[in-house]
Structure formats: structure tokens, C-alpha cells
Amino acid sequence: MRTTTALLAAALTTTLLAGCGADDSSATEQTLSDTEHNDADVTFAQDMIPHHAQALTLVDLTLDRDVDPGIADLAEQIRAEQAPEIETMAGWLSDWDEEVPETVRDHSNAGHGGGAASDAMREMEADGDAPAMAGMLTADQLEALEQASDDEFGALWVDAMIAHHTGAIAMAEAEQADGRYRPAVELAGDVVEAQTAEIAELEQLLGG
């Protein structure tokens, strides 16, 4: 009798645990919304916009350079992916009545520092406005790229972009874990997928 009772109790416990697991999974799925957002979504958009913008600055630095065709192709792929994502995230922030952050490209395009990305970043650093996300290049690092010879540029650019992508992936994974707005969480998934694949390509270029 005791054995039978123990077996029944064990079976009941297993069933309850299985049921809890299913409920937890359902609850996690229900936290996503097509209309509601949370602080994690705002942080993701406000941080990723300047992060993407600096990636586009790195892409711009490949122009008029004698670079490996693989670098040139990957740079344009990054531009095609990230420029529309910036517009999408800026649209979300506007819809949410949240601030759309200023970027190094805004400063450069406004002619700050004569239009050089490193000077614009240095000005942002001096004003305390420089974004402090993982993978972001400093003014000195941007200047090193700007002043590098064509022979030096390729390896420096690949190293910089690998670090930059690694930072973006960490930010996107945080959004996947904590975000509520479904489109933002899905965009974060796109960032993880695309930039993980691009890191593999960059590492191949570096090895080559």
C-alpha cells in the first residue's frame, strides 16, 4: 500500500511539474505584445541606434579604399541591413514619445570637427554624449582607422567590426530576454542571426 501511494504521489508530482512547465512557457510567450512596450524595448532602441550608426560610419570608411573585395561586399551588406533598422527603431521611439538619440553620423554630417568621424566622436566624448555600449569605437580608434594605410586598414577594420558586432549581439540578446514589444524582440533576433554569421565571415577574412 505504501509503495502504491508513493508511486501515485510521484506520478502526481511529475504531472504537476509538467503542467507548470507548460504554463511557464505560455506565460513567457504572453509577455510579448504587438502594441505594448517596456523599458527594455526603449533601452534597446536608444542604444542600438547609435551603435548601428557607428557601424555605418565604419562602412563609410571603406569607401575610396583599396580593400579586399570580401570586405567591400560585407560592408555594403551591413549598410543594407542596418540603415533600415535605424529608421525602424527611430520610428518606434517617436511613436512612444521617447528621445531619438543623436549619433556620430549626425555630428559628422553637421560638419562637427570638419566632418571627420573621429573628430565628431571626440567632441561627443568631451561633451559626455558619447554612447558607452560594448563594441563602440573611441575617437582614437576611429582616427587610427582613418589614418591607416590601405595595407593596414583591412585587418584593423575587420578587428573593429568583430568587436562592434559582438557588442551588438549582447545588446540584442538582452532585448530577447527582457523585451515586451514583439517587433523589437524579433528585430533583436535578426541582429543576433545576421551579425553572428557576419562575424564568421569577418574571421575568415582575417584568417585569409
N, C-alpha and C. Protein backbone atom coordinates (compact mmCIF):
# COMPACT_ATOMS: atom_id res chain seq x y z
N MET A 1 0.83 -1.21 0.00
CA MET A 1 0.00 0.00 0.00
C MET A 1 0.86 1.25 0.00
N ARG A 2 1.92 1.21 0.87
CA ARG A 2 2.81 2.38 0.92
C ARG A 2 3.50 2.58 -0.43
N THR A 3 3.89 1.45 -1.06
CA THR A 3 4.56 1.56 -2.37
C THR A 3 3.63 2.16 -3.40
N THR A 4 2.38 1.71 -3.39
CA THR A 4 1.39 2.23 -4.35
C THR A 4 1.16 3.72 -4.13
N THR A 5 1.05 4.10 -2.86
CA THR A 5 0.84 5.51 -2.53
C THR A 5 2.01 6.37 -2.98
N ALA A 6 3.22 5.86 -2.76
CA ALA A 6 4.42 6.60 -3.16
C ALA A 6 4.47 6.77 -4.67
N LEU A 7 4.11 5.70 -5.40
CA LEU A 7 4.13 5.78 -6.85
C LEU A 7 3.11 6.79 -7.36
N LEU A 8 1.91 6.78 -6.74
CA LEU A 8 0.88 7.73 -7.15
C LEU A 8 1.31 9.17 -6.87
N ALA A 9 1.96 9.36 -5.70
CA ALA A 9 2.44 10.70 -5.37
C ALA A 9 3.49 11.17 -6.35
N ALA A 10 4.40 10.27 -6.71
CA ALA A 10 5.45 10.62 -7.67
C ALA A 10 4.85 10.98 -9.01
N ALA A 11 3.85 10.18 -9.44
CA ALA A 11 3.22 10.45 -10.72
C ALA A 11 2.51 11.79 -10.70
N LEU A 12 1.82 12.09 -9.58
CA LEU A 12 1.13 13.37 -9.46
C LEU A 12 2.10 14.53 -9.51
N THR A 13 3.25 14.37 -8.81
CA THR A 13 4.27 15.43 -8.80
C THR A 13 4.79 15.67 -10.21
N THR A 14 5.07 14.58 -10.94
CA THR A 14 5.57 14.71 -12.31
C THR A 14 4.57 15.44 -13.18
N THR A 15 3.28 15.08 -13.03
CA THR A 15 2.24 15.72 -13.83
C THR A 15 2.14 17.21 -13.52
N LEU A 16 2.20 17.53 -12.22
CA LEU A 16 2.12 18.94 -11.83
C LEU A 16 3.29 19.74 -12.35
N LEU A 17 4.50 19.13 -12.26
CA LEU A 17 5.69 19.83 -12.77
C LEU A 17 5.60 20.05 -14.25
N ALA A 18 5.13 19.03 -14.98
CA ALA A 18 4.99 19.16 -16.43
C ALA A 18 3.99 20.26 -16.75
N GLY A 19 2.89 20.29 -15.97
CA GLY A 19 1.89 21.33 -16.19
C GLY A 19 2.44 22.71 -15.93
N CYS A 20 3.25 22.84 -14.87
CA CYS A 20 3.87 24.13 -14.54
C CYS A 20 4.78 24.58 -15.66
N GLY A 21 5.55 23.64 -16.21
CA GLY A 21 6.46 23.97 -17.30
C GLY A 21 5.71 24.53 -18.48
N ALA A 22 4.58 23.88 -18.81
CA ALA A 22 3.78 24.35 -19.94
C ALA A 22 3.22 25.73 -19.66
N ASP A 23 2.74 25.94 -18.41
CA ASP A 23 2.20 27.25 -18.07
C ASP A 23 3.25 28.33 -18.15
N ASP A 24 4.49 27.99 -17.65
CA ASP A 24 5.57 28.98 -17.68
C ASP A 24 5.89 29.38 -19.11
N SER A 25 5.94 28.37 -20.00
CA SER A 25 6.25 28.65 -21.40
C SER A 25 5.18 29.55 -22.00
N SER A 26 3.90 29.24 -21.67
CA SER A 26 2.80 30.03 -22.19
C SER A 26 2.87 31.45 -21.66
N ALA A 27 3.22 31.57 -20.37
CA ALA A 27 3.29 32.90 -19.77
C ALA A 27 4.38 33.73 -20.42
N THR A 28 5.52 33.09 -20.72
CA THR A 28 6.62 33.81 -21.36
C THR A 28 6.18 34.33 -22.72
N GLU A 29 5.48 33.46 -23.46
CA GLU A 29 5.01 33.86 -24.78
C GLU A 29 4.02 35.02 -24.67
N GLN A 30 3.18 34.98 -23.64
CA GLN A 30 2.16 36.02 -23.49
C GLN A 30 2.75 37.37 -23.07
N THR A 31 3.99 37.38 -22.61
CA THR A 31 4.58 38.67 -22.22
C THR A 31 4.86 39.53 -23.45
N LEU A 32 4.96 38.93 -24.63
CA LEU A 32 5.19 39.71 -25.85
C LEU A 32 3.89 40.34 -26.31
N SER A 33 4.01 41.53 -26.84
CA SER A 33 2.84 42.27 -27.29
C SER A 33 3.13 42.96 -28.61
N ASP A 34 2.11 43.04 -29.44
CA ASP A 34 2.25 43.76 -30.71
C ASP A 34 1.99 45.25 -30.55
N THR A 35 1.55 45.65 -29.36
CA THR A 35 1.20 47.06 -29.15
C THR A 35 1.88 47.68 -27.92
N GLU A 36 2.16 46.89 -26.91
CA GLU A 36 2.73 47.41 -25.66
C GLU A 36 4.25 47.24 -25.66
N HIS A 37 4.93 48.19 -25.01
CA HIS A 37 6.38 48.09 -24.89
C HIS A 37 6.78 48.33 -23.45
N ASN A 38 8.04 48.03 -23.12
CA ASN A 38 8.54 48.27 -21.76
C ASN A 38 9.87 49.01 -21.82
N ASP A 39 10.48 49.20 -20.65
CA ASP A 39 11.73 49.95 -20.58
C ASP A 39 12.85 49.27 -21.36
N ALA A 40 12.84 47.94 -21.37
CA ALA A 40 13.88 47.21 -22.10
C ALA A 40 13.81 47.51 -23.60
N ASP A 41 12.60 47.64 -24.12
CA ASP A 41 12.43 47.96 -25.54
C ASP A 41 12.97 49.36 -25.86
N VAL A 42 12.70 50.30 -24.96
CA VAL A 42 13.19 51.67 -25.16
C VAL A 42 14.71 51.69 -25.11
N THR A 43 15.28 51.03 -24.11
CA THR A 43 16.74 50.98 -23.98
C THR A 43 17.38 50.35 -25.21
N PHE A 44 16.79 49.25 -25.67
CA PHE A 44 17.30 48.57 -26.86
C PHE A 44 17.36 49.52 -28.05
N ALA A 45 16.26 50.21 -28.32
CA ALA A 45 16.22 51.11 -29.48
C ALA A 45 17.17 52.29 -29.30
N GLN A 46 17.18 52.88 -28.11
CA GLN A 46 18.02 54.06 -27.89
C GLN A 46 19.51 53.72 -27.91
N ASP A 47 19.87 52.51 -27.52
CA ASP A 47 21.28 52.10 -27.56
C ASP A 47 21.68 51.58 -28.94
N MET A 48 20.77 50.85 -29.59
CA MET A 48 21.14 50.24 -30.86
C MET A 48 21.23 51.25 -31.99
N ILE A 49 20.47 52.34 -31.91
CA ILE A 49 20.54 53.35 -32.98
C ILE A 49 21.96 53.93 -33.11
N PRO A 50 22.56 54.47 -32.03
CA PRO A 50 23.93 54.98 -32.19
C PRO A 50 24.94 53.87 -32.46
N HIS A 51 24.65 52.67 -31.98
CA HIS A 51 25.56 51.55 -32.25
C HIS A 51 25.54 51.21 -33.73
N HIS A 52 24.35 51.08 -34.30
CA HIS A 52 24.23 50.86 -35.75
C HIS A 52 24.84 52.01 -36.54
N ALA A 53 24.61 53.23 -36.06
CA ALA A 53 25.13 54.40 -36.78
C ALA A 53 26.65 54.36 -36.86
N GLN A 54 27.30 53.92 -35.78
CA GLN A 54 28.75 53.83 -35.85
C GLN A 54 29.19 52.71 -36.79
N ALA A 55 28.40 51.63 -36.86
CA ALA A 55 28.71 50.58 -37.84
C ALA A 55 28.67 51.15 -39.26
N LEU A 56 27.69 52.01 -39.53
CA LEU A 56 27.62 52.63 -40.85
C LEU A 56 28.79 53.58 -41.08
N THR A 57 29.27 54.21 -40.01
CA THR A 57 30.47 55.04 -40.13
C THR A 57 31.67 54.18 -40.52
N LEU A 58 31.77 53.00 -39.91
CA LEU A 58 32.85 52.08 -40.28
C LEU A 58 32.72 51.64 -41.74
N VAL A 59 31.48 51.43 -42.17
CA VAL A 59 31.24 51.10 -43.57
C VAL A 59 31.71 52.24 -44.47
N ASP A 60 31.38 53.48 -44.09
CA ASP A 60 31.79 54.65 -44.89
C ASP A 60 33.31 54.72 -45.04
N LEU A 61 34.03 54.27 -44.01
CA LEU A 61 35.49 54.35 -44.06
C LEU A 61 36.10 53.40 -45.09
N THR A 62 35.32 52.43 -45.56
CA THR A 62 35.84 51.52 -46.59
C THR A 62 35.77 52.15 -47.99
N LEU A 63 34.96 53.19 -48.12
CA LEU A 63 34.80 53.82 -49.44
C LEU A 63 36.11 54.49 -49.86
N ASP A 64 36.39 54.47 -51.14
CA ASP A 64 37.60 55.08 -51.68
C ASP A 64 38.87 54.46 -51.09
N ARG A 65 38.74 53.22 -50.60
CA ARG A 65 39.88 52.47 -50.10
C ARG A 65 40.12 51.28 -51.01
N ASP A 66 41.38 50.88 -51.12
CA ASP A 66 41.73 49.68 -51.87
C ASP A 66 41.64 48.50 -50.89
N VAL A 67 40.40 48.00 -50.71
CA VAL A 67 40.18 46.94 -49.74
C VAL A 67 39.89 45.62 -50.44
N ASP A 68 40.03 44.55 -49.69
CA ASP A 68 39.68 43.21 -50.18
C ASP A 68 38.22 43.24 -50.65
N PRO A 69 37.91 42.61 -51.79
CA PRO A 69 36.52 42.58 -52.26
C PRO A 69 35.56 42.00 -51.24
N GLY A 70 36.05 41.05 -50.43
CA GLY A 70 35.19 40.48 -49.39
C GLY A 70 34.80 41.51 -48.36
N ILE A 71 35.71 42.40 -48.02
CA ILE A 71 35.41 43.48 -47.08
C ILE A 71 34.40 44.44 -47.70
N ALA A 72 34.63 44.80 -48.96
CA ALA A 72 33.72 45.73 -49.63
C ALA A 72 32.30 45.17 -49.70
N ASP A 73 32.19 43.88 -50.04
CA ASP A 73 30.86 43.26 -50.14
C ASP A 73 30.18 43.19 -48.78
N LEU A 74 30.94 42.82 -47.76
CA LEU A 74 30.36 42.71 -46.42
C LEU A 74 29.96 44.08 -45.88
N ALA A 75 30.76 45.09 -46.19
CA ALA A 75 30.44 46.45 -45.75
C ALA A 75 29.10 46.90 -46.33
N GLU A 76 28.87 46.63 -47.59
CA GLU A 76 27.60 47.03 -48.21
C GLU A 76 26.44 46.20 -47.68
N GLN A 77 26.70 44.95 -47.33
CA GLN A 77 25.67 44.12 -46.71
C GLN A 77 25.26 44.70 -45.35
N ILE A 78 26.25 45.15 -44.59
CA ILE A 78 25.97 45.76 -43.29
C ILE A 78 25.15 47.03 -43.48
N ARG A 79 25.51 47.84 -44.47
CA ARG A 79 24.75 49.07 -44.73
C ARG A 79 23.29 48.73 -45.07
N ALA A 80 23.10 47.74 -45.93
CA ALA A 80 21.75 47.38 -46.36
C ALA A 80 20.89 46.87 -45.21
N GLU A 81 21.51 46.21 -44.25
CA GLU A 81 20.78 45.70 -43.09
C GLU A 81 20.49 46.79 -42.06
N GLN A 82 21.51 47.54 -41.73
CA GLN A 82 21.42 48.37 -40.53
C GLN A 82 20.79 49.74 -40.75
N ALA A 83 20.94 50.30 -41.94
CA ALA A 83 20.31 51.60 -42.19
C ALA A 83 18.78 51.53 -42.04
N PRO A 84 18.10 50.53 -42.63
CA PRO A 84 16.65 50.45 -42.42
C PRO A 84 16.28 50.16 -40.96
N GLU A 85 17.12 49.39 -40.26
CA GLU A 85 16.83 49.10 -38.85
C GLU A 85 16.88 50.37 -38.00
N ILE A 86 17.80 51.27 -38.32
CA ILE A 86 17.85 52.56 -37.61
C ILE A 86 16.54 53.31 -37.80
N GLU A 87 16.06 53.37 -39.03
CA GLU A 87 14.81 54.07 -39.32
C GLU A 87 13.64 53.44 -38.57
N THR A 88 13.62 52.11 -38.53
CA THR A 88 12.55 51.40 -37.83
C THR A 88 12.56 51.74 -36.34
N MET A 89 13.73 51.67 -35.72
CA MET A 89 13.82 51.92 -34.27
C MET A 89 13.53 53.39 -33.94
N ALA A 90 13.96 54.29 -34.80
CA ALA A 90 13.65 55.71 -34.58
C ALA A 90 12.14 55.94 -34.65
N GLY A 91 11.49 55.22 -35.55
CA GLY A 91 10.03 55.31 -35.65
C GLY A 91 9.34 54.84 -34.39
N TRP A 92 9.85 53.73 -33.83
CA TRP A 92 9.27 53.25 -32.56
C TRP A 92 9.40 54.31 -31.47
N LEU A 93 10.60 54.86 -31.32
CA LEU A 93 10.83 55.84 -30.26
C LEU A 93 9.93 57.06 -30.43
N SER A 94 9.76 57.50 -31.65
CA SER A 94 8.87 58.64 -31.90
C SER A 94 7.43 58.29 -31.52
N ASP A 95 7.01 57.09 -31.89
CA ASP A 95 5.65 56.66 -31.55
C ASP A 95 5.46 56.56 -30.04
N TRP A 96 6.53 56.23 -29.32
CA TRP A 96 6.45 56.07 -27.86
C TRP A 96 6.72 57.38 -27.12
N ASP A 97 6.92 58.47 -27.86
CA ASP A 97 7.27 59.77 -27.25
C ASP A 97 8.55 59.68 -26.43
N GLU A 98 9.51 58.92 -26.95
CA GLU A 98 10.82 58.78 -26.33
C GLU A 98 11.86 59.48 -27.20
N GLU A 99 12.96 59.90 -26.58
CA GLU A 99 14.00 60.62 -27.30
C GLU A 99 14.70 59.72 -28.31
N VAL A 100 14.89 60.23 -29.51
CA VAL A 100 15.70 59.55 -30.51
C VAL A 100 17.13 60.06 -30.33
N PRO A 101 18.08 59.19 -30.01
CA PRO A 101 19.43 59.66 -29.67
C PRO A 101 20.19 60.22 -30.86
N GLU A 102 21.06 61.17 -30.56
CA GLU A 102 21.96 61.72 -31.57
C GLU A 102 23.10 60.74 -31.77
N THR A 103 23.63 60.67 -32.97
CA THR A 103 24.68 59.71 -33.29
C THR A 103 25.92 60.41 -33.84
N VAL A 104 26.98 59.65 -33.96
CA VAL A 104 28.21 60.21 -34.51
C VAL A 104 28.01 60.65 -35.96
N ARG A 105 27.13 59.98 -36.67
CA ARG A 105 26.86 60.37 -38.04
C ARG A 105 26.12 61.70 -38.10
N ASP A 106 25.24 61.95 -37.12
CA ASP A 106 24.58 63.25 -37.05
C ASP A 106 25.61 64.36 -36.88
N HIS A 107 26.58 64.11 -35.98
CA HIS A 107 27.62 65.11 -35.74
C HIS A 107 28.48 65.30 -36.99
N SER A 108 28.87 64.20 -37.60
CA SER A 108 29.73 64.29 -38.79
C SER A 108 29.02 65.01 -39.92
N ASN A 109 27.76 64.66 -40.15
CA ASN A 109 27.00 65.26 -41.24
C ASN A 109 26.72 66.74 -41.00
N ALA A 110 26.74 67.13 -39.72
CA ALA A 110 26.53 68.54 -39.40
C ALA A 110 27.83 69.34 -39.53
N GLY A 111 28.91 68.64 -39.88
CA GLY A 111 30.18 69.32 -40.08
C GLY A 111 30.99 69.53 -38.82
N HIS A 112 30.59 68.87 -37.73
CA HIS A 112 31.36 68.99 -36.48
C HIS A 112 32.74 68.37 -36.69
N GLY A 113 33.78 69.09 -36.27
CA GLY A 113 35.13 68.57 -36.44
C GLY A 113 35.53 68.47 -37.90
N GLY A 114 34.90 69.27 -38.75
CA GLY A 114 35.24 69.23 -40.16
C GLY A 114 34.64 68.04 -40.88
N GLY A 115 33.76 67.30 -40.21
CA GLY A 115 33.09 66.17 -40.84
C GLY A 115 33.78 64.84 -40.62
N ALA A 116 34.95 64.80 -40.01
CA ALA A 116 35.64 63.53 -39.75
C ALA A 116 34.94 62.81 -38.61
N ALA A 117 34.77 61.50 -38.76
CA ALA A 117 34.08 60.72 -37.74
C ALA A 117 34.82 60.76 -36.41
N SER A 118 36.14 60.69 -36.46
CA SER A 118 36.91 60.69 -35.21
C SER A 118 36.76 62.01 -34.47
N ASP A 119 36.74 63.13 -35.21
CA ASP A 119 36.57 64.44 -34.57
C ASP A 119 35.18 64.58 -33.97
N ALA A 120 34.18 64.07 -34.70
CA ALA A 120 32.81 64.13 -34.18
C ALA A 120 32.69 63.30 -32.91
N MET A 121 33.31 62.11 -32.90
CA MET A 121 33.27 61.27 -31.71
C MET A 121 34.03 61.91 -30.56
N ARG A 122 35.15 62.55 -30.87
CA ARG A 122 35.93 63.22 -29.83
C ARG A 122 35.11 64.36 -29.19
N GLU A 123 34.38 65.07 -30.01
CA GLU A 123 33.53 66.14 -29.50
C GLU A 123 32.44 65.57 -28.60
N MET A 124 31.84 64.44 -29.01
CA MET A 124 30.82 63.80 -28.19
C MET A 124 31.41 63.31 -26.87
N GLU A 125 32.63 62.79 -26.92
CA GLU A 125 33.30 62.34 -25.69
C GLU A 125 33.54 63.52 -24.75
N ALA A 126 33.99 64.63 -25.31
CA ALA A 126 34.28 65.81 -24.49
C ALA A 126 33.01 66.36 -23.84
N ASP A 127 31.89 66.24 -24.55
CA ASP A 127 30.61 66.75 -24.03
C ASP A 127 29.91 65.74 -23.13
N GLY A 128 30.49 64.54 -23.02
CA GLY A 128 29.84 63.49 -22.22
C GLY A 128 28.67 62.84 -22.93
N ASP A 129 28.60 63.00 -24.26
CA ASP A 129 27.48 62.46 -25.03
C ASP A 129 27.83 61.19 -25.78
N ALA A 130 29.06 60.71 -25.64
CA ALA A 130 29.47 59.53 -26.40
C ALA A 130 28.77 58.29 -25.84
N PRO A 131 28.15 57.49 -26.71
CA PRO A 131 27.49 56.26 -26.24
C PRO A 131 28.52 55.32 -25.62
N ALA A 132 28.11 54.63 -24.56
CA ALA A 132 29.04 53.76 -23.84
C ALA A 132 28.61 52.30 -23.92
N MET A 133 28.27 51.84 -25.14
CA MET A 133 27.87 50.45 -25.31
C MET A 133 29.07 49.59 -25.70
N ALA A 134 28.93 48.29 -25.46
CA ALA A 134 30.00 47.35 -25.80
C ALA A 134 30.27 47.38 -27.29
N GLY A 135 31.55 47.39 -27.64
CA GLY A 135 31.94 47.33 -29.04
C GLY A 135 32.06 48.68 -29.73
N MET A 136 31.64 49.75 -29.06
CA MET A 136 31.73 51.08 -29.67
C MET A 136 33.19 51.53 -29.72
N LEU A 137 33.60 52.07 -30.86
CA LEU A 137 34.97 52.57 -31.02
C LEU A 137 35.08 53.96 -30.41
N THR A 138 36.23 54.23 -29.83
CA THR A 138 36.52 55.56 -29.32
C THR A 138 36.98 56.45 -30.47
N ALA A 139 37.12 57.73 -30.18
CA ALA A 139 37.63 58.68 -31.17
C ALA A 139 39.02 58.28 -31.63
N ASP A 140 39.87 57.85 -30.70
CA ASP A 140 41.23 57.46 -31.06
C ASP A 140 41.24 56.24 -31.98
N GLN A 141 40.34 55.29 -31.72
CA GLN A 141 40.28 54.10 -32.57
C GLN A 141 39.78 54.45 -33.97
N LEU A 142 38.80 55.34 -34.04
CA LEU A 142 38.33 55.79 -35.35
C LEU A 142 39.43 56.53 -36.10
N GLU A 143 40.18 57.35 -35.38
CA GLU A 143 41.26 58.10 -36.01
C GLU A 143 42.34 57.15 -36.54
N ALA A 144 42.62 56.08 -35.80
CA ALA A 144 43.60 55.11 -36.27
C ALA A 144 43.16 54.47 -37.58
N LEU A 145 41.87 54.21 -37.71
CA LEU A 145 41.35 53.66 -38.97
C LEU A 145 41.44 54.69 -40.09
N GLU A 146 41.08 55.92 -39.78
CA GLU A 146 41.10 56.97 -40.79
C GLU A 146 42.52 57.20 -41.33
N GLN A 147 43.50 57.09 -40.47
CA GLN A 147 44.87 57.41 -40.85
C GLN A 147 45.68 56.20 -41.31
N ALA A 148 45.10 55.01 -41.21
CA ALA A 148 45.82 53.79 -41.60
C ALA A 148 46.07 53.76 -43.10
N SER A 149 47.16 53.16 -43.47
CA SER A 149 47.43 52.93 -44.89
C SER A 149 46.47 51.85 -45.39
N ASP A 150 46.34 51.73 -46.70
CA ASP A 150 45.48 50.69 -47.25
C ASP A 150 45.94 49.30 -46.80
N ASP A 151 47.25 49.12 -46.69
CA ASP A 151 47.77 47.82 -46.26
C ASP A 151 47.38 47.49 -44.83
N GLU A 152 47.31 48.51 -43.98
CA GLU A 152 46.98 48.31 -42.57
C GLU A 152 45.47 48.28 -42.34
N PHE A 153 44.74 48.97 -43.20
CA PHE A 153 43.33 49.25 -42.94
C PHE A 153 42.47 48.00 -42.81
N GLY A 154 42.65 47.05 -43.73
CA GLY A 154 41.76 45.89 -43.78
C GLY A 154 41.70 45.12 -42.47
N ALA A 155 42.86 44.77 -41.93
CA ALA A 155 42.90 44.00 -40.68
C ALA A 155 42.35 44.81 -39.51
N LEU A 156 42.66 46.12 -39.47
CA LEU A 156 42.13 46.97 -38.40
C LEU A 156 40.60 47.05 -38.47
N TRP A 157 40.09 47.18 -39.69
CA TRP A 157 38.64 47.31 -39.88
C TRP A 157 37.93 46.02 -39.48
N VAL A 158 38.48 44.89 -39.87
CA VAL A 158 37.86 43.60 -39.53
C VAL A 158 37.84 43.40 -38.02
N ASP A 159 38.96 43.69 -37.36
CA ASP A 159 39.02 43.57 -35.90
C ASP A 159 37.96 44.47 -35.24
N ALA A 160 37.87 45.70 -35.73
CA ALA A 160 36.92 46.66 -35.15
C ALA A 160 35.49 46.19 -35.34
N MET A 161 35.19 45.66 -36.53
CA MET A 161 33.82 45.24 -36.80
C MET A 161 33.45 43.98 -36.02
N ILE A 162 34.39 43.09 -35.81
CA ILE A 162 34.11 41.91 -34.98
C ILE A 162 33.73 42.34 -33.57
N ALA A 163 34.52 43.26 -32.99
CA ALA A 163 34.22 43.75 -31.64
C ALA A 163 32.88 44.47 -31.61
N HIS A 164 32.62 45.24 -32.66
CA HIS A 164 31.38 46.01 -32.74
C HIS A 164 30.18 45.06 -32.82
N HIS A 165 30.25 44.06 -33.67
CA HIS A 165 29.17 43.08 -33.81
C HIS A 165 28.97 42.30 -32.51
N THR A 166 30.05 41.95 -31.85
CA THR A 166 29.94 41.20 -30.60
C THR A 166 29.16 42.01 -29.57
N GLY A 167 29.41 43.31 -29.51
CA GLY A 167 28.66 44.18 -28.60
C GLY A 167 27.20 44.25 -28.98
N ALA A 168 26.91 44.34 -30.26
CA ALA A 168 25.52 44.42 -30.72
C ALA A 168 24.76 43.14 -30.38
N ILE A 169 25.42 42.00 -30.53
CA ILE A 169 24.77 40.73 -30.23
C ILE A 169 24.40 40.66 -28.75
N ALA A 170 25.29 41.10 -27.88
CA ALA A 170 24.99 41.10 -26.44
C ALA A 170 23.78 41.99 -26.14
N MET A 171 23.70 43.15 -26.77
CA MET A 171 22.56 44.04 -26.57
C MET A 171 21.27 43.41 -27.08
N ALA A 172 21.36 42.76 -28.22
CA ALA A 172 20.17 42.13 -28.81
C ALA A 172 19.70 40.96 -27.96
N GLU A 173 20.63 40.20 -27.40
CA GLU A 173 20.25 39.09 -26.54
C GLU A 173 19.56 39.58 -25.27
N ALA A 174 19.99 40.72 -24.76
CA ALA A 174 19.32 41.31 -23.59
C ALA A 174 17.88 41.68 -23.94
N GLU A 175 17.67 42.22 -25.14
CA GLU A 175 16.32 42.56 -25.57
C GLU A 175 15.47 41.30 -25.74
N GLN A 176 16.05 40.24 -26.28
CA GLN A 176 15.31 38.99 -26.41
C GLN A 176 14.86 38.47 -25.05
N ALA A 177 15.69 38.66 -24.05
CA ALA A 177 15.38 38.16 -22.71
C ALA A 177 14.35 39.03 -21.99
N ASP A 178 14.42 40.35 -22.18
CA ASP A 178 13.66 41.27 -21.33
C ASP A 178 12.60 42.10 -22.06
N GLY A 179 12.65 42.13 -23.39
CA GLY A 179 11.74 43.00 -24.13
C GLY A 179 10.30 42.50 -24.11
N ARG A 180 9.39 43.42 -24.35
CA ARG A 180 7.95 43.09 -24.41
C ARG A 180 7.37 43.31 -25.80
N TYR A 181 7.86 44.31 -26.51
CA TYR A 181 7.31 44.67 -27.82
C TYR A 181 7.78 43.66 -28.86
N ARG A 182 6.86 42.89 -29.39
CA ARG A 182 7.22 41.77 -30.27
C ARG A 182 8.11 42.19 -31.45
N PRO A 183 7.77 43.28 -32.17
CA PRO A 183 8.64 43.66 -33.29
C PRO A 183 10.09 43.95 -32.86
N ALA A 184 10.26 44.53 -31.67
CA ALA A 184 11.62 44.82 -31.19
C ALA A 184 12.36 43.53 -30.85
N VAL A 185 11.66 42.59 -30.22
CA VAL A 185 12.28 41.31 -29.88
C VAL A 185 12.63 40.55 -31.16
N GLU A 186 11.77 40.63 -32.16
CA GLU A 186 12.05 39.96 -33.43
C GLU A 186 13.23 40.62 -34.15
N LEU A 187 13.29 41.95 -34.11
CA LEU A 187 14.43 42.63 -34.72
C LEU A 187 15.73 42.24 -34.00
N ALA A 188 15.65 42.11 -32.68
CA ALA A 188 16.83 41.67 -31.92
C ALA A 188 17.27 40.29 -32.39
N GLY A 189 16.32 39.42 -32.66
CA GLY A 189 16.66 38.10 -33.18
C GLY A 189 17.35 38.19 -34.54
N ASP A 190 16.88 39.10 -35.38
CA ASP A 190 17.51 39.31 -36.68
C ASP A 190 18.96 39.78 -36.51
N VAL A 191 19.18 40.68 -35.54
CA VAL A 191 20.53 41.19 -35.29
C VAL A 191 21.45 40.05 -34.86
N VAL A 192 20.98 39.22 -33.95
CA VAL A 192 21.80 38.10 -33.48
C VAL A 192 22.15 37.18 -34.64
N GLU A 193 21.16 36.83 -35.44
CA GLU A 193 21.39 35.90 -36.54
C GLU A 193 22.34 36.48 -37.59
N ALA A 194 22.05 37.70 -38.03
CA ALA A 194 22.85 38.31 -39.10
C ALA A 194 24.28 38.58 -38.64
N GLN A 195 24.43 39.13 -37.45
CA GLN A 195 25.76 39.55 -37.05
C GLN A 195 26.62 38.38 -36.57
N THR A 196 26.00 37.31 -36.09
CA THR A 196 26.75 36.09 -35.79
C THR A 196 27.34 35.52 -37.08
N ALA A 197 26.53 35.49 -38.13
CA ALA A 197 27.01 34.99 -39.43
C ALA A 197 28.10 35.90 -39.98
N GLU A 198 27.94 37.21 -39.81
CA GLU A 198 28.94 38.15 -40.33
C GLU A 198 30.26 38.06 -39.57
N ILE A 199 30.19 37.78 -38.26
CA ILE A 199 31.43 37.58 -37.51
C ILE A 199 32.20 36.41 -38.08
N ALA A 200 31.50 35.34 -38.44
CA ALA A 200 32.17 34.18 -39.04
C ALA A 200 32.85 34.58 -40.35
N GLU A 201 32.17 35.40 -41.16
CA GLU A 201 32.77 35.88 -42.41
C GLU A 201 33.98 36.76 -42.14
N LEU A 202 33.85 37.63 -41.14
CA LEU A 202 34.96 38.52 -40.80
C LEU A 202 36.17 37.73 -40.33
N GLU A 203 35.93 36.70 -39.54
CA GLU A 203 37.04 35.88 -39.06
C GLU A 203 37.73 35.15 -40.20
N GLN A 204 36.94 34.75 -41.20
CA GLN A 204 37.53 34.12 -42.39
C GLN A 204 38.40 35.13 -43.15
N LEU A 205 37.90 36.36 -43.27
CA LEU A 205 38.69 37.40 -43.93
C LEU A 205 39.98 37.67 -43.19
N LEU A 206 39.90 37.70 -41.86
CA LEU A 206 41.08 37.94 -41.05
C LEU A 206 42.09 36.81 -41.21
N GLY A 207 41.57 35.58 -41.25
CA GLY A 207 42.46 34.43 -41.43
C GLY A 207 43.09 34.42 -42.81
N GLY A 208 42.31 34.91 -43.80
CA GLY A 208 42.84 34.94 -45.16
C GLY A 208 43.90 35.99 -45.34
